[in-house]
Structures are given as C-alpha cells and as structure tokens.
Amino acid sequence: MDILKIYQYAMQRELEGKRFFEQNAERLNHAAAIGAFKNLAAEEQKHIEFIQRQIDLLKKGAPADLSMAEEMQKEGFFSHRAVTESIDSTTLESMVPDLPVLRMAFLIERDFSEFYEKAAEKAEGDGKKALKMLADWEREHERLFKQYYDTAFEEYSRMPWGG
C-alpha cells in the first residue's frame, strides 16, 4: 500500500468536503445547521493541514507527526459541542428545507470515515494511527449530521400535509 497516495487522495476528498460545507452553509435555513456547517468547514481545514503535514514529512523520509492530531483531540471535537446544542420543535420546522443537504452531509462524512477505516486496515505504524484518527473524527461528524437529519425528518413526518 502506498500511504502517500492514500494521503493525496484523502487531501482531495477533504478539500471537496470543505467546499461542500462552506457553500451549503450559505444555503441553509436553520441557524444550528448553518453553525455546524461553518464549524465543520473549519474542522475540515484542520484535517487538510494535518494530512498536508503527513505528506510533507513522508516526502522527506521523516516519520509521521501525530502531535497536531493529539492537540486537536485535546481541544475537543466541534461535533461534541454541536451535539449539545438544543434543537426545539419550533426551530425544527425551519430545518425541513435543509433535509437533502443534511442527508448529503451525513453521506459525505460516512464515506470519509469508511475510506479512512479501510485504508487504516491496510496501513502500518504511524500511518495506521493517523488514518484511524481521521476515521474517528469523520465518524463523529457522521453521527452529528445523522442526528440532525433524523431529528428534522421526524419533525417533518409529523407535519400536516401542505406544511
């Protein structure tokens, strides 16, 4: 397995994900979802910086540096903060138009986490650790957007026909 190619592919995917979250933050209607998308775009930027650091070190023949990832973990994941935000039923109604975007965010994050998990299974040493960390971060994001989507969809399913 070529860990450099894995990192390069991951970099492209993270850049795409960041663009998705930045662009869709402007289109959403619900403040909590907008905040989550903006925060997630910022967190994806941290992933990009982490991956770029690993690529740079790998090209120099230097060992991986997981200190940036460890620092990010100490700071706490944005998703832990976002999940604690309360979403009451009156604001959920405004999330209904956001359902397709929330679903897409969930699927993107699920795809990222599965990619990193599969790559980690084939990697060794620090590369395996780095990919596992990335997978864990993406699983947290996945859970967040699944929660948003499920909660908003549940509210939508209870609305009277015609809104």
C-alpha atoms as a PDB file:
ATOM      1  CA  MET A   1       0.000   0.000   0.000  1.00  0.00           C
ATOM      2  CA  ASP A   2       1.279   3.442  -0.912  1.00  0.00           C
ATOM      3  CA  ILE A   3       0.461   5.660   2.081  1.00  0.00           C
ATOM      4  CA  LEU A   4       1.445   8.770   0.105  1.00  0.00           C
ATOM      5  CA  LYS A   5      -1.252   8.042  -2.497  1.00  0.00           C
ATOM      6  CA  ILE A   6      -3.762   7.456   0.292  1.00  0.00           C
ATOM      7  CA  TYR A   7      -2.909  10.833   1.831  1.00  0.00           C
ATOM      8  CA  GLN A   8      -3.067  12.585  -1.543  1.00  0.00           C
ATOM      9  CA  TYR A   9      -6.489  11.088  -2.267  1.00  0.00           C
ATOM     10  CA  ALA A  10      -7.631  11.977   1.257  1.00  0.00           C
ATOM     11  CA  MET A  11      -6.456  15.554   0.715  1.00  0.00           C
ATOM     12  CA  GLN A  12      -8.607  15.906  -2.396  1.00  0.00           C
ATOM     13  CA  ARG A  13     -11.634  14.468  -0.607  1.00  0.00           C
ATOM     14  CA  GLU A  14     -11.165  16.748   2.407  1.00  0.00           C
ATOM     15  CA  LEU A  15     -10.894  19.780   0.115  1.00  0.00           C
ATOM     16  CA  GLU A  16     -14.131  18.736  -1.619  1.00  0.00           C
ATOM     17  CA  GLY A  17     -15.825  18.248   1.729  1.00  0.00           C
ATOM     18  CA  LYS A  18     -14.698  21.636   2.977  1.00  0.00           C
ATOM     19  CA  ARG A  19     -16.069  23.315  -0.165  1.00  0.00           C
ATOM     20  CA  PHE A  20     -19.386  21.478   0.248  1.00  0.00           C
ATOM     21  CA  PHE A  21     -19.790  22.656   3.839  1.00  0.00           C
ATOM     22  CA  GLU A  22     -18.754  26.243   3.057  1.00  0.00           C
ATOM     23  CA  GLN A  23     -21.089  26.543   0.073  1.00  0.00           C
ATOM     24  CA  ASN A  24     -24.068  24.921   1.751  1.00  0.00           C
ATOM     25  CA  ALA A  25     -23.720  26.900   4.973  1.00  0.00           C
ATOM     26  CA  GLU A  26     -24.902  29.861   2.915  1.00  0.00           C
ATOM     27  CA  ARG A  27     -27.959  27.964   1.642  1.00  0.00           C
ATOM     28  CA  LEU A  28     -29.278  26.509   4.890  1.00  0.00           C
ATOM     29  CA  ASN A  29     -32.200  27.966   6.802  1.00  0.00           C
ATOM     30  CA  HIS A  30     -31.597  26.712  10.345  1.00  0.00           C
ATOM     31  CA  ALA A  31     -29.083  28.594  12.496  1.00  0.00           C
ATOM     32  CA  ALA A  32     -27.760  25.487  14.285  1.00  0.00           C
ATOM     33  CA  ALA A  33     -27.222  23.701  10.979  1.00  0.00           C
ATOM     34  CA  ILE A  34     -25.522  26.782   9.491  1.00  0.00           C
ATOM     35  CA  GLY A  35     -23.223  26.958  12.508  1.00  0.00           C
ATOM     36  CA  ALA A  36     -22.490  23.238  12.278  1.00  0.00           C
ATOM     37  CA  PHE A  37     -21.601  23.540   8.593  1.00  0.00           C
ATOM     38  CA  LYS A  38     -19.324  26.533   9.194  1.00  0.00           C
ATOM     39  CA  ASN A  39     -17.629  24.820  12.119  1.00  0.00           C
ATOM     40  CA  LEU A  40     -17.245  21.637  10.143  1.00  0.00           C
ATOM     41  CA  ALA A  41     -15.624  23.523   7.246  1.00  0.00           C
ATOM     42  CA  ALA A  42     -13.110  24.907   9.767  1.00  0.00           C
ATOM     43  CA  GLU A  43     -12.527  21.443  11.165  1.00  0.00           C
ATOM     44  CA  GLU A  44     -12.042  20.025   7.674  1.00  0.00           C
ATOM     45  CA  GLN A  45      -9.362  22.695   7.213  1.00  0.00           C
ATOM     46  CA  LYS A  46      -7.571  21.248  10.247  1.00  0.00           C
ATOM     47  CA  HIS A  47      -7.792  17.790   8.658  1.00  0.00           C
ATOM     48  CA  ILE A  48      -6.294  19.244   5.463  1.00  0.00           C
ATOM     49  CA  GLU A  49      -3.415  20.777   7.426  1.00  0.00           C
ATOM     50  CA  PHE A  50      -2.852  17.504   9.301  1.00  0.00           C
ATOM     51  CA  ILE A  51      -2.801  15.478   6.080  1.00  0.00           C
ATOM     52  CA  GLN A  52      -0.528  18.009   4.347  1.00  0.00           C
ATOM     53  CA  ARG A  53       1.901  17.757   7.272  1.00  0.00           C
ATOM     54  CA  GLN A  54       1.990  13.968   6.900  1.00  0.00           C
ATOM     55  CA  ILE A  55       2.550  14.264   3.132  1.00  0.00           C
ATOM     56  CA  ASP A  56       5.409  16.734   3.626  1.00  0.00           C
ATOM     57  CA  LEU A  57       7.088  14.508   6.204  1.00  0.00           C
ATOM     58  CA  LEU A  58       6.626  11.383   4.114  1.00  0.00           C
ATOM     59  CA  LYS A  59       8.236  13.058   1.086  1.00  0.00           C
ATOM     60  CA  LYS A  60      11.238  13.990   3.246  1.00  0.00           C
ATOM     61  CA  GLY A  61      11.510  10.433   4.544  1.00  0.00           C
ATOM     62  CA  ALA A  62      10.746  11.645   8.058  1.00  0.00           C
ATOM     63  CA  PRO A  63       8.466   9.815  10.488  1.00  0.00           C
ATOM     64  CA  ALA A  64       4.832  10.842  10.810  1.00  0.00           C
ATOM     65  CA  ASP A  65       3.946  13.588  13.270  1.00  0.00           C
ATOM     66  CA  LEU A  66       0.765  12.925  15.193  1.00  0.00           C
ATOM     67  CA  SER A  67       1.220  15.854  17.604  1.00  0.00           C
ATOM     68  CA  MET A  68      -1.189  18.050  15.612  1.00  0.00           C
ATOM     69  CA  ALA A  69      -3.852  15.353  15.850  1.00  0.00           C
ATOM     70  CA  GLU A  70      -3.244  14.910  19.552  1.00  0.00           C
ATOM     71  CA  GLU A  71      -3.619  18.665  20.066  1.00  0.00           C
ATOM     72  CA  MET A  72      -6.874  18.657  18.095  1.00  0.00           C
ATOM     73  CA  GLN A  73      -8.185  15.894  20.320  1.00  0.00           C
ATOM     74  CA  LYS A  74      -7.271  17.859  23.466  1.00  0.00           C
ATOM     75  CA  GLU A  75      -9.154  20.893  22.134  1.00  0.00           C
ATOM     76  CA  GLY A  76     -12.224  18.723  21.679  1.00  0.00           C
ATOM     77  CA  PHE A  77     -14.186  17.956  18.573  1.00  0.00           C
ATOM     78  CA  PHE A  78     -16.599  20.547  17.280  1.00  0.00           C
ATOM     79  CA  SER A  79     -19.200  17.809  16.982  1.00  0.00           C
ATOM     80  CA  HIS A  80     -19.221  17.259  20.735  1.00  0.00           C
ATOM     81  CA  ARG A  81     -20.097  20.920  21.196  1.00  0.00           C
ATOM     82  CA  ALA A  82     -22.609  20.957  18.358  1.00  0.00           C
ATOM     83  CA  VAL A  83     -24.436  17.862  19.572  1.00  0.00           C
ATOM     84  CA  THR A  84     -25.063  19.540  22.902  1.00  0.00           C
ATOM     85  CA  GLU A  85     -26.886  22.444  21.237  1.00  0.00           C
ATOM     86  CA  SER A  86     -30.580  22.122  21.849  1.00  0.00           C
ATOM     87  CA  ILE A  87     -32.923  21.976  18.891  1.00  0.00           C
ATOM     88  CA  ASP A  88     -36.519  22.532  19.878  1.00  0.00           C
ATOM     89  CA  SER A  89     -39.533  21.557  17.783  1.00  0.00           C
ATOM     90  CA  THR A  90     -40.320  25.125  16.696  1.00  0.00           C
ATOM     91  CA  THR A  91     -36.916  25.565  15.104  1.00  0.00           C
ATOM     92  CA  LEU A  92     -37.049  22.087  13.565  1.00  0.00           C
ATOM     93  CA  GLU A  93     -39.730  23.247  11.168  1.00  0.00           C
ATOM     94  CA  SER A  94     -37.207  25.602   9.598  1.00  0.00           C
ATOM     95  CA  MET A  95     -34.862  22.648   9.021  1.00  0.00           C
ATOM     96  CA  VAL A  96     -37.277  20.823   6.704  1.00  0.00           C
ATOM     97  CA  PRO A  97     -35.974  22.551   3.537  1.00  0.00           C
ATOM     98  CA  ASP A  98     -32.473  21.551   4.690  1.00  0.00           C
ATOM     99  CA  LEU A  99     -33.232  17.804   4.734  1.00  0.00           C
ATOM    100  CA  PRO A 100     -31.497  16.978   1.429  1.00  0.00           C
ATOM    101  CA  VAL A 101     -28.393  18.959   2.401  1.00  0.00           C
ATOM    102  CA  LEU A 102     -28.281  17.393   5.868  1.00  0.00           C
ATOM    103  CA  ARG A 103     -28.616  13.941   4.291  1.00  0.00           C
ATOM    104  CA  MET A 104     -25.798  14.695   1.848  1.00  0.00           C
ATOM    105  CA  ALA A 105     -23.571  15.918   4.696  1.00  0.00           C
ATOM    106  CA  PHE A 106     -24.224  12.664   6.559  1.00  0.00           C
ATOM    107  CA  LEU A 107     -23.369  10.591   3.469  1.00  0.00           C
ATOM    108  CA  ILE A 108     -20.178  12.547   2.796  1.00  0.00           C
ATOM    109  CA  GLU A 109     -18.978  12.038   6.350  1.00  0.00           C
ATOM    110  CA  ARG A 110     -19.912   8.346   6.297  1.00  0.00           C
ATOM    111  CA  ASP A 111     -17.995   7.930   3.049  1.00  0.00           C
ATOM    112  CA  PHE A 112     -14.942   9.667   4.563  1.00  0.00           C
ATOM    113  CA  SER A 113     -14.991   7.512   7.694  1.00  0.00           C
ATOM    114  CA  GLU A 114     -15.320   4.292   5.693  1.00  0.00           C
ATOM    115  CA  PHE A 115     -12.467   5.320   3.406  1.00  0.00           C
ATOM    116  CA  TYR A 116     -10.153   6.074   6.339  1.00  0.00           C
ATOM    117  CA  GLU A 117     -11.124   2.869   8.168  1.00  0.00           C
ATOM    118  CA  LYS A 118     -10.402   0.704   5.116  1.00  0.00           C
ATOM    119  CA  ALA A 119      -7.098   2.468   4.479  1.00  0.00           C
ATOM    120  CA  ALA A 120      -6.122   2.107   8.164  1.00  0.00           C
ATOM    121  CA  GLU A 121      -6.724  -1.648   7.971  1.00  0.00           C
ATOM    122  CA  LYS A 122      -4.042  -1.883   5.279  1.00  0.00           C
ATOM    123  CA  ALA A 123      -1.574   0.605   6.770  1.00  0.00           C
ATOM    124  CA  GLU A 124       1.099   0.100   9.400  1.00  0.00           C
ATOM    125  CA  GLY A 125       2.750   2.135  12.131  1.00  0.00           C
ATOM    126  CA  ASP A 126       2.095   5.855  12.394  1.00  0.00           C
ATOM    127  CA  GLY A 127       0.278   5.871   9.057  1.00  0.00           C
ATOM    128  CA  LYS A 128      -2.254   3.459  10.531  1.00  0.00           C
ATOM    129  CA  LYS A 129      -2.611   5.659  13.627  1.00  0.00           C
ATOM    130  CA  ALA A 130      -3.108   8.809  11.540  1.00  0.00           C
ATOM    131  CA  LEU A 131      -5.741   7.187   9.342  1.00  0.00           C
ATOM    132  CA  LYS A 132      -7.526   5.775  12.380  1.00  0.00           C
ATOM    133  CA  MET A 133      -7.642   9.252  13.951  1.00  0.00           C
ATOM    134  CA  LEU A 134      -9.094  10.687  10.750  1.00  0.00           C
ATOM    135  CA  ALA A 135     -11.675   7.881  10.654  1.00  0.00           C
ATOM    136  CA  ASP A 136     -12.698   8.580  14.246  1.00  0.00           C
ATOM    137  CA  TRP A 137     -13.116  12.310  13.541  1.00  0.00           C
ATOM    138  CA  GLU A 138     -15.245  11.615  10.490  1.00  0.00           C
ATOM    139  CA  ARG A 139     -17.414   9.144  12.461  1.00  0.00           C
ATOM    140  CA  GLU A 140     -18.135  11.947  14.950  1.00  0.00           C
ATOM    141  CA  HIS A 141     -19.184  14.230  12.097  1.00  0.00           C
ATOM    142  CA  GLU A 142     -21.281  11.441  10.615  1.00  0.00           C
ATOM    143  CA  ARG A 143     -23.132  10.947  13.903  1.00  0.00           C
ATOM    144  CA  LEU A 144     -23.804  14.667  14.196  1.00  0.00           C
ATOM    145  CA  PHE A 145     -25.385  15.002  10.764  1.00  0.00           C
ATOM    146  CA  LYS A 146     -27.312  11.767  11.164  1.00  0.00           C
ATOM    147  CA  GLN A 147     -28.758  13.182  14.377  1.00  0.00           C
ATOM    148  CA  TYR A 148     -29.676  16.480  12.683  1.00  0.00           C
ATOM    149  CA  TYR A 149     -31.220  14.681   9.730  1.00  0.00           C
ATOM    150  CA  ASP A 150     -33.159  12.137  11.796  1.00  0.00           C
ATOM    151  CA  THR A 151     -34.492  14.797  14.149  1.00  0.00           C
ATOM    152  CA  ALA A 152     -35.576  17.107  11.333  1.00  0.00           C
ATOM    153  CA  PHE A 153     -37.079  14.235   9.345  1.00  0.00           C
ATOM    154  CA  GLU A 154     -39.054  13.074  12.379  1.00  0.00           C
ATOM    155  CA  GLU A 155     -40.500  16.572  12.740  1.00  0.00           C
ATOM    156  CA  TYR A 156     -41.247  16.715   9.019  1.00  0.00           C
ATOM    157  CA  SER A 157     -43.085  13.395   9.139  1.00  0.00           C
ATOM    158  CA  ARG A 158     -45.396  14.767  11.853  1.00  0.00           C
ATOM    159  CA  MET A 159     -46.262  17.961   9.966  1.00  0.00           C
ATOM    160  CA  PRO A 160     -49.675  18.264   8.370  1.00  0.00           C
ATOM    161  CA  TRP A 161     -49.691  17.834   4.605  1.00  0.00           C
ATOM    162  CA  GLY A 162     -49.091  21.103   2.862  1.00  0.00           C
ATOM    163  CA  GLY A 163     -46.792  22.496   5.585  1.00  0.00           C
END
